[in-house]
Amino acid sequence: MDTYAAAVKAPEADRAALLGLAGRQRDLAVAGWSVGATQLDQLNVDIGRGHQHVFLPSAPGQEAMTSDDSKEGE
């Protein structure tokens, strides 16, 4: 978010590069979230609490991204 905020305030000549950097940082954060959510789900299954969804909204106003249609605890 800090990189994006800096991009918005940056001179026109620097804006595109900073927006590209902010986008790459966002993509890395989403990938990190996905790995962590998958590990958390596996831990829940391993200790007998079943499948748990850890949601990350894909965009404002949209439903959360999920990898499957399983219900919680299954």
C-alpha atoms as a PDB file:
ATOM      1  CA  MET A   1       0.000   0.000   0.000  1.00  0.00           C
ATOM      2  CA  ASP A   2       2.859   2.373   0.743  1.00  0.00           C
ATOM      3  CA  THR A   3       4.319   1.767  -2.710  1.00  0.00           C
ATOM      4  CA  TYR A   4       0.956   2.390  -4.347  1.00  0.00           C
ATOM      5  CA  ALA A   5       0.456   5.572  -2.323  1.00  0.00           C
ATOM      6  CA  ALA A   6       3.924   6.754  -3.377  1.00  0.00           C
ATOM      7  CA  ALA A   7       3.077   5.980  -7.011  1.00  0.00           C
ATOM      8  CA  VAL A   8      -0.077   8.079  -6.879  1.00  0.00           C
ATOM      9  CA  LYS A   9       1.909  11.044  -5.537  1.00  0.00           C
ATOM     10  CA  ALA A  10       4.958  10.511  -7.764  1.00  0.00           C
ATOM     11  CA  PRO A  11       5.824  12.646 -10.762  1.00  0.00           C
ATOM     12  CA  GLU A  12       4.303  11.375 -14.019  1.00  0.00           C
ATOM     13  CA  ALA A  13       7.696  10.109 -15.242  1.00  0.00           C
ATOM     14  CA  ASP A  14       8.066   7.774 -12.226  1.00  0.00           C
ATOM     15  CA  ARG A  15       4.437   6.685 -11.808  1.00  0.00           C
ATOM     16  CA  ALA A  16       4.346   3.720 -14.209  1.00  0.00           C
ATOM     17  CA  ALA A  17       7.430   2.080 -12.700  1.00  0.00           C
ATOM     18  CA  LEU A  18       6.084   2.478  -9.157  1.00  0.00           C
ATOM     19  CA  LEU A  19       2.661   1.136 -10.127  1.00  0.00           C
ATOM     20  CA  GLY A  20       4.351  -1.892 -11.698  1.00  0.00           C
ATOM     21  CA  LEU A  21       6.320  -2.456  -8.487  1.00  0.00           C
ATOM     22  CA  ALA A  22       3.158  -2.124  -6.390  1.00  0.00           C
ATOM     23  CA  GLY A  23       1.437  -4.718  -8.591  1.00  0.00           C
ATOM     24  CA  ARG A  24       4.303  -7.183  -8.233  1.00  0.00           C
ATOM     25  CA  GLN A  25       4.296  -6.687  -4.452  1.00  0.00           C
ATOM     26  CA  ARG A  26       0.532  -7.356  -4.416  1.00  0.00           C
ATOM     27  CA  ASP A  27       1.002 -10.564  -6.411  1.00  0.00           C
ATOM     28  CA  LEU A  28       3.696 -11.776  -3.995  1.00  0.00           C
ATOM     29  CA  ALA A  29       1.468 -10.994  -1.009  1.00  0.00           C
ATOM     30  CA  VAL A  30      -1.424 -12.976  -2.506  1.00  0.00           C
ATOM     31  CA  ALA A  31       0.891 -15.921  -3.240  1.00  0.00           C
ATOM     32  CA  GLY A  32       2.179 -15.799   0.351  1.00  0.00           C
ATOM     33  CA  TRP A  33      -1.382 -15.682   1.680  1.00  0.00           C
ATOM     34  CA  SER A  34      -2.301 -18.700  -0.440  1.00  0.00           C
ATOM     35  CA  VAL A  35       0.583 -20.790   0.902  1.00  0.00           C
ATOM     36  CA  GLY A  36      -0.219 -19.815   4.494  1.00  0.00           C
ATOM     37  CA  ALA A  37      -3.930 -20.517   4.065  1.00  0.00           C
ATOM     38  CA  THR A  38      -3.199 -23.944   2.586  1.00  0.00           C
ATOM     39  CA  GLN A  39      -0.892 -24.800   5.490  1.00  0.00           C
ATOM     40  CA  LEU A  40      -3.478 -23.622   8.027  1.00  0.00           C
ATOM     41  CA  ASP A  41      -6.115 -25.758   6.326  1.00  0.00           C
ATOM     42  CA  GLN A  42      -3.845 -28.816   6.449  1.00  0.00           C
ATOM     43  CA  LEU A  43      -3.123 -28.256  10.151  1.00  0.00           C
ATOM     44  CA  ASN A  44      -6.870 -28.142  10.849  1.00  0.00           C
ATOM     45  CA  VAL A  45      -7.386 -31.411   8.972  1.00  0.00           C
ATOM     46  CA  ASP A  46      -4.418 -33.030  10.767  1.00  0.00           C
ATOM     47  CA  ILE A  47      -5.774 -32.193  14.236  1.00  0.00           C
ATOM     48  CA  GLY A  48      -9.269 -33.418  13.398  1.00  0.00           C
ATOM     49  CA  ARG A  49     -11.086 -30.124  12.914  1.00  0.00           C
ATOM     50  CA  GLY A  50     -11.671 -30.742   9.235  1.00  0.00           C
ATOM     51  CA  HIS A  51     -11.378 -28.462   6.249  1.00  0.00           C
ATOM     52  CA  GLN A  52     -11.349 -24.722   7.030  1.00  0.00           C
ATOM     53  CA  HIS A  53     -11.566 -21.927   4.480  1.00  0.00           C
ATOM     54  CA  VAL A  54      -9.376 -18.883   4.957  1.00  0.00           C
ATOM     55  CA  PHE A  55     -10.839 -16.270   2.638  1.00  0.00           C
ATOM     56  CA  LEU A  56      -9.062 -13.548   0.710  1.00  0.00           C
ATOM     57  CA  PRO A  57     -11.442 -11.249  -1.177  1.00  0.00           C
ATOM     58  CA  SER A  58     -10.478 -11.216  -4.846  1.00  0.00           C
ATOM     59  CA  ALA A  59     -11.793  -7.688  -5.495  1.00  0.00           C
ATOM     60  CA  PRO A  60     -14.166  -5.242  -3.812  1.00  0.00           C
ATOM     61  CA  GLY A  61     -17.749  -6.397  -4.186  1.00  0.00           C
ATOM     62  CA  GLN A  62     -16.820  -9.924  -5.271  1.00  0.00           C
ATOM     63  CA  GLU A  63     -17.034 -13.166  -3.395  1.00  0.00           C
ATOM     64  CA  ALA A  64     -13.909 -14.545  -1.745  1.00  0.00           C
ATOM     65  CA  MET A  65     -11.560 -16.809  -3.672  1.00  0.00           C
ATOM     66  CA  THR A  66     -11.826 -20.448  -2.666  1.00  0.00           C
ATOM     67  CA  SER A  67     -10.089 -23.498  -4.037  1.00  0.00           C
ATOM     68  CA  ASP A  68     -13.040 -25.862  -3.725  1.00  0.00           C
ATOM     69  CA  ASP A  69     -16.703 -26.221  -2.815  1.00  0.00           C
ATOM     70  CA  SER A  70     -16.179 -28.152   0.444  1.00  0.00           C
ATOM     71  CA  LYS A  71     -18.090 -26.977   3.489  1.00  0.00           C
ATOM     72  CA  GLU A  72     -16.296 -25.960   6.681  1.00  0.00           C
ATOM     73  CA  GLY A  73     -15.210 -28.898   8.832  1.00  0.00           C
ATOM     74  CA  GLU A  74     -15.472 -31.530   6.095  1.00  0.00           C
END
